[in-house]
PDB file of N, CA and C in Angstrom:
ATOM      1  N   MET A   1       4.228 -36.463  51.618  1.00  0.00           N
ATOM      2  CA  MET A   1       5.184 -36.805  50.637  1.00  0.00           C
ATOM      3  C   MET A   1       6.559 -37.210  51.336  1.00  0.00           C
ATOM      4  N   LYS A   2       6.909 -38.420  50.900  1.00  0.00           N
ATOM      5  CA  LYS A   2       8.291 -38.938  51.176  1.00  0.00           C
ATOM      6  C   LYS A   2       9.338 -38.317  50.300  1.00  0.00           C
ATOM      7  N   GLN A   3      10.652 -38.335  50.793  1.00  0.00           N
ATOM      8  CA  GLN A   3      11.865 -37.892  50.106  1.00  0.00           C
ATOM      9  C   GLN A   3      12.653 -38.957  49.666  1.00  0.00           C
ATOM     10  N   PHE A   4      13.302 -38.834  48.341  1.00  0.00           N
ATOM     11  CA  PHE A   4      13.930 -39.851  47.747  1.00  0.00           C
ATOM     12  C   PHE A   4      15.320 -39.402  47.304  1.00  0.00           C
ATOM     13  N   ILE A   5      16.357 -40.195  47.153  1.00  0.00           N
ATOM     14  CA  ILE A   5      17.355 -39.651  46.264  1.00  0.00           C
ATOM     15  C   ILE A   5      17.571 -40.993  45.194  1.00  0.00           C
ATOM     16  N   ILE A   6      17.767 -40.705  44.042  1.00  0.00           N
ATOM     17  CA  ILE A   6      18.044 -41.932  43.300  1.00  0.00           C
ATOM     18  C   ILE A   6      19.244 -41.819  42.644  1.00  0.00           C
ATOM     19  N   GLU A   7      20.186 -42.901  42.556  1.00  0.00           N
ATOM     20  CA  GLU A   7      21.298 -42.787  42.009  1.00  0.00           C
ATOM     21  C   GLU A   7      21.088 -43.828  40.770  1.00  0.00           C
ATOM     22  N   ILE A   8      21.632 -43.166  39.535  1.00  0.00           N
ATOM     23  CA  ILE A   8      21.572 -43.897  38.310  1.00  0.00           C
ATOM     24  C   ILE A   8      22.891 -44.340  37.847  1.00  0.00           C
ATOM     25  N   ILE A   9      23.126 -45.511  37.699  1.00  0.00           N
ATOM     26  CA  ILE A   9      24.417 -45.960  37.475  1.00  0.00           C
ATOM     27  C   ILE A   9      24.406 -46.521  35.955  1.00  0.00           C
ATOM     28  N   TYR A  10      25.247 -46.018  35.083  1.00  0.00           N
ATOM     29  CA  TYR A  10      25.703 -46.270  33.860  1.00  0.00           C
ATOM     30  C   TYR A  10      26.044 -47.753  33.739  1.00  0.00           C
ATOM     31  N   GLN A  11      25.522 -48.292  32.725  1.00  0.00           N
ATOM     32  CA  GLN A  11      26.037 -49.837  32.651  1.00  0.00           C
ATOM     33  C   GLN A  11      26.255 -50.095  30.980  1.00  0.00           C
ATOM     34  N   ALA A  12      26.769 -48.924  30.553  1.00  0.00           N
ATOM     35  CA  ALA A  12      26.866 -49.040  29.140  1.00  0.00           C
ATOM     36  C   ALA A  12      27.999 -47.871  28.981  1.00  0.00           C
ATOM     37  N   GLU A  13      28.522 -47.918  27.586  1.00  0.00           N
ATOM     38  CA  GLU A  13      29.477 -47.010  27.092  1.00  0.00           C
ATOM     39  C   GLU A  13      29.137 -45.749  27.203  1.00  0.00           C
ATOM     40  N   PRO A  14      30.211 -44.738  27.359  1.00  0.00           N
ATOM     41  CA  PRO A  14      29.376 -43.265  27.320  1.00  0.00           C
ATOM     42  C   PRO A  14      28.623 -42.901  25.745  1.00  0.00           C
ATOM     43  N   GLU A  15      28.969 -43.576  24.717  1.00  0.00           N
ATOM     44  CA  GLU A  15      28.576 -43.238  23.530  1.00  0.00           C
ATOM     45  C   GLU A  15      27.130 -43.784  23.365  1.00  0.00           C
ATOM     46  N   GLU A  16      26.917 -45.160  24.151  1.00  0.00           N
ATOM     47  CA  GLU A  16      25.509 -45.334  23.956  1.00  0.00           C
ATOM     48  C   GLU A  16      24.648 -44.507  25.081  1.00  0.00           C
ATOM     49  N   ILE A  17      25.011 -44.229  26.245  1.00  0.00           N
ATOM     50  CA  ILE A  17      24.273 -43.256  26.881  1.00  0.00           C
ATOM     51  C   ILE A  17      23.845 -42.099  26.331  1.00  0.00           C
ATOM     52  N   ALA A  18      24.868 -41.552  25.732  1.00  0.00           N
ATOM     53  CA  ALA A  18      24.863 -40.305  24.651  1.00  0.00           C
ATOM     54  C   ALA A  18      23.559 -40.151  23.750  1.00  0.00           C
ATOM     55  N   LYS A  19      23.392 -41.600  23.108  1.00  0.00           N
ATOM     56  CA  LYS A  19      22.433 -41.685  22.332  1.00  0.00           C
ATOM     57  C   LYS A  19      21.063 -41.558  22.720  1.00  0.00           C
ATOM     58  N   VAL A  20      20.980 -41.503  24.007  1.00  0.00           N
ATOM     59  CA  VAL A  20      19.492 -41.745  24.876  1.00  0.00           C
ATOM     60  C   VAL A  20      19.282 -40.619  25.599  1.00  0.00           C
ATOM     61  N   ARG A  21      20.398 -39.850  25.936  1.00  0.00           N
ATOM     62  CA  ARG A  21      20.407 -38.699  26.953  1.00  0.00           C
ATOM     63  C   ARG A  21      19.344 -37.553  26.980  1.00  0.00           C
ATOM     64  N   ASP A  22      18.875 -37.291  25.410  1.00  0.00           N
ATOM     65  CA  ASP A  22      18.082 -36.410  25.379  1.00  0.00           C
ATOM     66  C   ASP A  22      16.584 -36.911  25.693  1.00  0.00           C
ATOM     67  N   GLU A  23      16.376 -38.288  25.397  1.00  0.00           N
ATOM     68  CA  GLU A  23      15.045 -38.950  25.548  1.00  0.00           C
ATOM     69  C   GLU A  23      14.925 -38.964  27.183  1.00  0.00           C
ATOM     70  N   HIS A  24      15.911 -39.492  27.825  1.00  0.00           N
ATOM     71  CA  HIS A  24      16.019 -39.367  29.418  1.00  0.00           C
ATOM     72  C   HIS A  24      15.570 -38.067  29.872  1.00  0.00           C
ATOM     73  N   ARG A  25      16.246 -37.329  29.417  1.00  0.00           N
ATOM     74  CA  ARG A  25      15.886 -35.650  29.943  1.00  0.00           C
ATOM     75  C   ARG A  25      14.565 -35.158  29.847  1.00  0.00           C
ATOM     76  N   LYS A  26      14.059 -35.557  28.447  1.00  0.00           N
ATOM     77  CA  LYS A  26      12.622 -35.234  28.494  1.00  0.00           C
ATOM     78  C   LYS A  26      11.660 -35.999  29.364  1.00  0.00           C
ATOM     79  N   TYR A  27      12.069 -37.326  29.564  1.00  0.00           N
ATOM     80  CA  TYR A  27      11.423 -37.929  30.449  1.00  0.00           C
ATOM     81  C   TYR A  27      11.292 -37.610  31.956  1.00  0.00           C
ATOM     82  N   LEU A  28      12.596 -36.943  32.398  1.00  0.00           N
ATOM     83  CA  LEU A  28      12.822 -36.363  33.468  1.00  0.00           C
ATOM     84  C   LEU A  28      11.683 -35.199  33.445  1.00  0.00           C
ATOM     85  N   GLN A  29      11.869 -34.479  32.603  1.00  0.00           N
ATOM     86  CA  GLN A  29      10.956 -33.239  32.768  1.00  0.00           C
ATOM     87  C   GLN A  29       9.741 -33.672  33.174  1.00  0.00           C
ATOM     88  N   THR A  30       9.198 -34.564  32.854  1.00  0.00           N
ATOM     89  CA  THR A  30       7.704 -34.950  33.166  1.00  0.00           C
ATOM     90  C   THR A  30       7.571 -35.077  34.548  1.00  0.00           C
ATOM     91  N   GLY A  31       8.574 -35.260  35.223  1.00  0.00           N
ATOM     92  CA  GLY A  31       8.542 -35.383  36.803  1.00  0.00           C
ATOM     93  C   GLY A  31       8.546 -34.052  37.276  1.00  0.00           C
ATOM     94  N   TYR A  32       9.483 -33.381  36.560  1.00  0.00           N
ATOM     95  CA  TYR A  32       9.594 -31.685  37.073  1.00  0.00           C
ATOM     96  C   TYR A  32       8.092 -31.180  36.919  1.00  0.00           C
ATOM     97  N   GLU A  33       7.382 -31.495  35.564  1.00  0.00           N
ATOM     98  CA  GLU A  33       6.164 -30.643  35.427  1.00  0.00           C
ATOM     99  C   GLU A  33       5.149 -31.269  36.320  1.00  0.00           C
ATOM    100  N   LYS A  34       4.867 -32.491  36.919  1.00  0.00           N
ATOM    101  CA  LYS A  34       4.335 -32.971  37.985  1.00  0.00           C
ATOM    102  C   LYS A  34       4.692 -32.824  39.404  1.00  0.00           C
ATOM    103  N   GLY A  35       5.902 -32.119  39.714  1.00  0.00           N
ATOM    104  CA  GLY A  35       6.225 -31.303  40.937  1.00  0.00           C
ATOM    105  C   GLY A  35       6.913 -32.515  41.880  1.00  0.00           C
ATOM    106  N   LEU A  36       7.520 -33.366  40.970  1.00  0.00           N
ATOM    107  CA  LEU A  36       7.942 -34.766  41.779  1.00  0.00           C
ATOM    108  C   LEU A  36       9.397 -34.461  42.160  1.00  0.00           C
ATOM    109  N   ILE A  37      10.362 -33.751  41.014  1.00  0.00           N
ATOM    110  CA  ILE A  37      11.640 -33.733  40.951  1.00  0.00           C
ATOM    111  C   ILE A  37      12.012 -32.417  41.440  1.00  0.00           C
ATOM    112  N   LEU A  38      12.978 -32.579  42.318  1.00  0.00           N
ATOM    113  CA  LEU A  38      13.487 -31.028  42.718  1.00  0.00           C
ATOM    114  C   LEU A  38      14.652 -30.613  41.896  1.00  0.00           C
ATOM    115  N   MET A  39      15.546 -31.591  41.600  1.00  0.00           N
ATOM    116  CA  MET A  39      16.785 -31.476  41.016  1.00  0.00           C
ATOM    117  C   MET A  39      17.397 -32.857  40.411  1.00  0.00           C
ATOM    118  N   SER A  40      18.187 -32.788  39.250  1.00  0.00           N
ATOM    119  CA  SER A  40      18.820 -33.735  38.848  1.00  0.00           C
ATOM    120  C   SER A  40      20.039 -33.513  37.999  1.00  0.00           C
ATOM    121  N   GLY A  41      20.948 -34.293  37.777  1.00  0.00           N
ATOM    122  CA  GLY A  41      21.895 -34.290  37.020  1.00  0.00           C
ATOM    123  C   GLY A  41      23.150 -35.390  36.909  1.00  0.00           C
ATOM    124  N   PRO A  42      24.162 -35.210  36.021  1.00  0.00           N
ATOM    125  CA  PRO A  42      25.194 -36.326  36.208  1.00  0.00           C
ATOM    126  C   PRO A  42      26.082 -36.298  37.129  1.00  0.00           C
ATOM    127  N   GLN A  43      26.625 -37.447  37.838  1.00  0.00           N
ATOM    128  CA  GLN A  43      27.862 -37.257  38.457  1.00  0.00           C
ATOM    129  C   GLN A  43      28.953 -36.660  37.706  1.00  0.00           C
ATOM    130  N   VAL A  44      30.083 -36.341  38.621  1.00  0.00           N
ATOM    131  CA  VAL A  44      31.437 -35.854  38.092  1.00  0.00           C
ATOM    132  C   VAL A  44      32.393 -36.875  38.754  1.00  0.00           C
ATOM    133  N   PRO A  45      33.066 -37.753  38.027  1.00  0.00           N
ATOM    134  CA  PRO A  45      32.865 -37.875  36.652  1.00  0.00           C
ATOM    135  C   PRO A  45      31.436 -38.444  36.251  1.00  0.00           C
ATOM    136  N   GLN A  46      31.375 -38.680  34.946  1.00  0.00           N
ATOM    137  CA  GLN A  46      30.006 -38.887  34.509  1.00  0.00           C
ATOM    138  C   GLN A  46      29.881 -40.528  34.552  1.00  0.00           C
ATOM    139  N   ILE A  47      29.534 -41.262  35.705  1.00  0.00           N
ATOM    140  CA  ILE A  47      29.438 -42.546  35.821  1.00  0.00           C
ATOM    141  C   ILE A  47      27.927 -42.755  36.059  1.00  0.00           C
ATOM    142  N   GLY A  48      27.107 -41.750  36.067  1.00  0.00           N
ATOM    143  CA  GLY A  48      25.702 -42.009  36.428  1.00  0.00           C
ATOM    144  C   GLY A  48      25.234 -40.716  36.716  1.00  0.00           C
ATOM    145  N   GLY A  49      24.082 -40.661  37.493  1.00  0.00           N
ATOM    146  CA  GLY A  49      23.531 -39.469  37.979  1.00  0.00           C
ATOM    147  C   GLY A  49      22.843 -39.540  39.008  1.00  0.00           C
ATOM    148  N   LEU A  50      22.158 -38.604  39.497  1.00  0.00           N
ATOM    149  CA  LEU A  50      21.471 -38.324  40.849  1.00  0.00           C
ATOM    150  C   LEU A  50      20.269 -37.663  40.519  1.00  0.00           C
ATOM    151  N   VAL A  51      19.329 -38.062  41.208  1.00  0.00           N
ATOM    152  CA  VAL A  51      17.698 -37.224  41.219  1.00  0.00           C
ATOM    153  C   VAL A  51      17.258 -37.081  42.570  1.00  0.00           C
ATOM    154  N   VAL A  52      16.726 -36.012  42.819  1.00  0.00           N
ATOM    155  CA  VAL A  52      16.277 -35.865  44.189  1.00  0.00           C
ATOM    156  C   VAL A  52      14.739 -35.483  43.810  1.00  0.00           C
ATOM    157  N   MET A  53      13.906 -36.359  44.554  1.00  0.00           N
ATOM    158  CA  MET A  53      12.544 -36.331  44.246  1.00  0.00           C
ATOM    159  C   MET A  53      11.758 -36.717  45.463  1.00  0.00           C
ATOM    160  N   LYS A  54      10.347 -36.390  45.279  1.00  0.00           N
ATOM    161  CA  LYS A  54       9.484 -36.655  46.483  1.00  0.00           C
ATOM    162  C   LYS A  54       8.252 -37.633  45.460  1.00  0.00           C
ATOM    163  N   GLY A  55       7.597 -38.430  46.556  1.00  0.00           N
ATOM    164  CA  GLY A  55       6.509 -39.332  46.119  1.00  0.00           C
ATOM    165  C   GLY A  55       5.924 -39.965  47.185  1.00  0.00           C
ATOM    166  N   ASN A  56       4.914 -40.603  47.052  1.00  0.00           N
ATOM    167  CA  ASN A  56       3.945 -41.171  48.044  1.00  0.00           C
ATOM    168  C   ASN A  56       4.306 -42.514  48.456  1.00  0.00           C
ATOM    169  N   SER A  57       5.242 -43.259  47.798  1.00  0.00           N
ATOM    170  CA  SER A  57       6.060 -44.631  48.216  1.00  0.00           C
ATOM    171  C   SER A  57       7.010 -44.909  47.295  1.00  0.00           C
ATOM    172  N   MET A  58       7.913 -45.766  47.911  1.00  0.00           N
ATOM    173  CA  MET A  58       8.816 -46.430  47.114  1.00  0.00           C
ATOM    174  C   MET A  58       8.578 -46.945  45.753  1.00  0.00           C
ATOM    175  N   GLU A  59       7.349 -47.420  45.609  1.00  0.00           N
ATOM    176  CA  GLU A  59       6.977 -48.343  44.862  1.00  0.00           C
ATOM    177  C   GLU A  59       6.646 -47.163  43.397  1.00  0.00           C
ATOM    178  N   GLU A  60       6.029 -46.189  43.923  1.00  0.00           N
ATOM    179  CA  GLU A  60       5.660 -44.903  42.994  1.00  0.00           C
ATOM    180  C   GLU A  60       6.984 -44.705  42.192  1.00  0.00           C
ATOM    181  N   ILE A  61       8.089 -44.512  43.101  1.00  0.00           N
ATOM    182  CA  ILE A  61       9.629 -43.716  42.541  1.00  0.00           C
ATOM    183  C   ILE A  61       9.989 -44.997  41.742  1.00  0.00           C
ATOM    184  N   HIS A  62       9.696 -46.501  42.127  1.00  0.00           N
ATOM    185  CA  HIS A  62      10.376 -47.537  41.038  1.00  0.00           C
ATOM    186  C   HIS A  62       9.471 -47.514  39.835  1.00  0.00           C
ATOM    187  N   ASP A  63       8.382 -47.181  39.847  1.00  0.00           N
ATOM    188  CA  ASP A  63       7.404 -47.280  38.761  1.00  0.00           C
ATOM    189  C   ASP A  63       7.632 -46.147  37.838  1.00  0.00           C
ATOM    190  N   PHE A  64       7.974 -44.934  38.387  1.00  0.00           N
ATOM    191  CA  PHE A  64       8.811 -43.756  37.458  1.00  0.00           C
ATOM    192  C   PHE A  64       9.692 -44.097  36.735  1.00  0.00           C
ATOM    193  N   PHE A  65      10.789 -44.789  37.275  1.00  0.00           N
ATOM    194  CA  PHE A  65      12.172 -45.021  36.822  1.00  0.00           C
ATOM    195  C   PHE A  65      11.709 -46.138  35.788  1.00  0.00           C
ATOM    196  N   ALA A  66      10.949 -47.004  35.960  1.00  0.00           N
ATOM    197  CA  ALA A  66      10.686 -48.457  35.114  1.00  0.00           C
ATOM    198  C   ALA A  66      10.476 -47.753  33.647  1.00  0.00           C
ATOM    199  N   ASN A  67      10.088 -46.663  33.506  1.00  0.00           N
ATOM    200  CA  ASN A  67       9.802 -45.950  32.129  1.00  0.00           C
ATOM    201  C   ASN A  67      10.876 -45.011  31.474  1.00  0.00           C
ATOM    202  N   ASP A  68      11.689 -44.665  32.391  1.00  0.00           N
ATOM    203  CA  ASP A  68      13.040 -43.902  32.064  1.00  0.00           C
ATOM    204  C   ASP A  68      13.761 -44.619  30.729  1.00  0.00           C
ATOM    205  N   PRO A  69      13.750 -43.750  29.710  1.00  0.00           N
ATOM    206  CA  PRO A  69      14.507 -44.465  28.462  1.00  0.00           C
ATOM    207  C   PRO A  69      15.866 -45.087  28.780  1.00  0.00           C
ATOM    208  N   TYR A  70      16.574 -44.549  29.586  1.00  0.00           N
ATOM    209  CA  TYR A  70      17.888 -45.275  29.934  1.00  0.00           C
ATOM    210  C   TYR A  70      17.399 -46.633  30.343  1.00  0.00           C
ATOM    211  N   ASN A  71      16.409 -46.924  31.353  1.00  0.00           N
ATOM    212  CA  ASN A  71      16.207 -48.224  31.748  1.00  0.00           C
ATOM    213  C   ASN A  71      15.427 -49.022  30.662  1.00  0.00           C
ATOM    214  N   LEU A  72      14.555 -48.406  29.803  1.00  0.00           N
ATOM    215  CA  LEU A  72      13.797 -49.090  28.851  1.00  0.00           C
ATOM    216  C   LEU A  72      14.944 -49.979  27.784  1.00  0.00           C
ATOM    217  N   ALA A  73      16.167 -49.084  27.687  1.00  0.00           N
ATOM    218  CA  ALA A  73      17.286 -49.272  26.637  1.00  0.00           C
ATOM    219  C   ALA A  73      18.298 -50.304  27.401  1.00  0.00           C
ATOM    220  N   GLY A  74      17.948 -50.659  28.731  1.00  0.00           N
ATOM    221  CA  GLY A  74      18.998 -51.603  29.398  1.00  0.00           C
ATOM    222  C   GLY A  74      20.314 -50.946  29.545  1.00  0.00           C
ATOM    223  N   LEU A  75      20.449 -49.659  29.732  1.00  0.00           N
ATOM    224  CA  LEU A  75      21.556 -48.879  30.068  1.00  0.00           C
ATOM    225  C   LEU A  75      22.168 -48.609  31.257  1.00  0.00           C
ATOM    226  N   THR A  76      21.076 -48.562  32.316  1.00  0.00           N
ATOM    227  CA  THR A  76      21.446 -48.197  33.558  1.00  0.00           C
ATOM    228  C   THR A  76      20.839 -49.135  34.424  1.00  0.00           C
ATOM    229  N   LYS A  77      21.445 -48.866  35.951  1.00  0.00           N
ATOM    230  CA  LYS A  77      20.587 -49.484  36.860  1.00  0.00           C
ATOM    231  C   LYS A  77      20.551 -48.388  37.955  1.00  0.00           C
ATOM    232  N   TYR A  78      19.329 -48.506  38.864  1.00  0.00           N
ATOM    233  CA  TYR A  78      19.135 -47.632  39.760  1.00  0.00           C
ATOM    234  C   TYR A  78      19.190 -48.034  41.349  1.00  0.00           C
ATOM    235  N   LEU A  79      19.771 -47.119  42.167  1.00  0.00           N
ATOM    236  CA  LEU A  79      19.630 -47.360  43.569  1.00  0.00           C
ATOM    237  C   LEU A  79      18.749 -46.369  44.017  1.00  0.00           C
ATOM    238  N   TYR A  80      17.816 -46.839  45.121  1.00  0.00           N
ATOM    239  CA  TYR A  80      16.770 -45.949  45.347  1.00  0.00           C
ATOM    240  C   TYR A  80      16.911 -45.656  47.087  1.00  0.00           C
ATOM    241  N   PHE A  81      16.950 -44.438  47.542  1.00  0.00           N
ATOM    242  CA  PHE A  81      17.339 -44.222  49.011  1.00  0.00           C
ATOM    243  C   PHE A  81      16.063 -43.162  49.518  1.00  0.00           C
ATOM    244  N   GLU A  82      15.246 -43.627  50.504  1.00  0.00           N
ATOM    245  CA  GLU A  82      14.439 -42.813  50.870  1.00  0.00           C
ATOM    246  C   GLU A  82      14.853 -42.410  52.268  1.00  0.00           C
ATOM    247  N   PHE A  83      14.725 -40.935  52.507  1.00  0.00           N
ATOM    248  CA  PHE A  83      15.441 -40.368  53.545  1.00  0.00           C
ATOM    249  C   PHE A  83      14.275 -39.392  54.254  1.00  0.00           C
ATOM    250  N   GLU A  84      14.594 -38.878  55.531  1.00  0.00           N
ATOM    251  CA  GLU A  84      13.615 -37.983  56.190  1.00  0.00           C
ATOM    252  C   GLU A  84      14.405 -36.705  56.544  1.00  0.00           C
ATOM    253  N   PRO A  85      14.212 -35.685  55.547  1.00  0.00           N
ATOM    254  CA  PRO A  85      14.896 -34.440  55.936  1.00  0.00           C
ATOM    255  C   PRO A  85      14.570 -33.728  57.347  1.00  0.00           C
ATOM    256  N   VAL A  86      15.470 -33.831  58.372  1.00  0.00           N
ATOM    257  CA  VAL A  86      15.056 -33.177  59.701  1.00  0.00           C
ATOM    258  C   VAL A  86      15.675 -31.728  59.800  1.00  0.00           C
ATOM    259  N   MET A  87      16.517 -31.284  58.860  1.00  0.00           N
ATOM    260  CA  MET A  87      17.060 -29.917  58.635  1.00  0.00           C
ATOM    261  C   MET A  87      16.966 -29.611  57.105  1.00  0.00           C
ATOM    262  N   HIS A  88      16.612 -28.338  56.913  1.00  0.00           N
ATOM    263  CA  HIS A  88      16.768 -28.014  55.672  1.00  0.00           C
ATOM    264  C   HIS A  88      16.530 -26.348  55.369  1.00  0.00           C
ATOM    265  N   GLN A  89      16.989 -25.786  54.291  1.00  0.00           N
ATOM    266  CA  GLN A  89      17.112 -24.308  54.273  1.00  0.00           C
ATOM    267  C   GLN A  89      15.631 -23.911  54.349  1.00  0.00           C
ATOM    268  N   GLU A  90      15.170 -22.756  54.704  1.00  0.00           N
ATOM    269  CA  GLU A  90      13.880 -22.277  54.766  1.00  0.00           C
ATOM    270  C   GLU A  90      13.040 -22.299  53.729  1.00  0.00           C
ATOM    271  N   PHE A  91      13.794 -22.074  52.652  1.00  0.00           N
ATOM    272  CA  PHE A  91      13.183 -22.091  51.171  1.00  0.00           C
ATOM    273  C   PHE A  91      12.655 -23.219  50.615  1.00  0.00           C
ATOM    274  N   MET A  92      13.106 -24.427  51.388  1.00  0.00           N
ATOM    275  CA  MET A  92      12.745 -25.893  51.114  1.00  0.00           C
ATOM    276  C   MET A  92      11.376 -26.013  51.745  1.00  0.00           C
ATOM    277  N   LYS A  93      10.771 -25.233  52.758  1.00  0.00           N
ATOM    278  CA  LYS A  93       9.752 -25.560  53.608  1.00  0.00           C
ATOM    279  C   LYS A  93       8.533 -26.131  52.927  1.00  0.00           C
ATOM    280  N   ASN A  94       8.170 -25.714  51.845  1.00  0.00           N
ATOM    281  CA  ASN A  94       7.236 -26.028  50.887  1.00  0.00           C
ATOM    282  C   ASN A  94       7.297 -27.449  50.170  1.00  0.00           C
ATOM    283  N   TRP A  95       8.571 -27.502  49.780  1.00  0.00           N
ATOM    284  CA  TRP A  95       8.915 -28.970  49.179  1.00  0.00           C
ATOM    285  C   TRP A  95       8.696 -29.887  50.093  1.00  0.00           C
ATOM    286  N   ILE A  96       9.295 -29.893  51.457  1.00  0.00           N
ATOM    287  CA  ILE A  96       9.502 -30.836  52.490  1.00  0.00           C
ATOM    288  C   ILE A  96       8.126 -31.180  53.169  1.00  0.00           C
ATOM    289  N   SER A  97       7.292 -29.944  53.216  1.00  0.00           N
ATOM    290  CA  SER A  97       5.687 -30.307  53.911  1.00  0.00           C
ATOM    291  C   SER A  97       4.575 -30.842  52.761  1.00  0.00           C
TER     292      SER A  97
END
């Protein structure tokens, strides 16, 4: 599988983001349950968030975030980065391979 970092950029006021946050996190949980997401969380300061995940293609990643409640509500935009980890902690071996 390929490795990706997704930057979620808030395009709305914090109050609007907060209204959808629980739904967004429940949706991300589906990615965790499928073994696709390694970690996620808000940026500091909270201007957006970051997600580290894996998938078969960039299209698969785009499709996943197309159904993110933040996206469906028009509150965010997304930047997608595919990368190839050449070095990693030993405990990450199963995730990478």
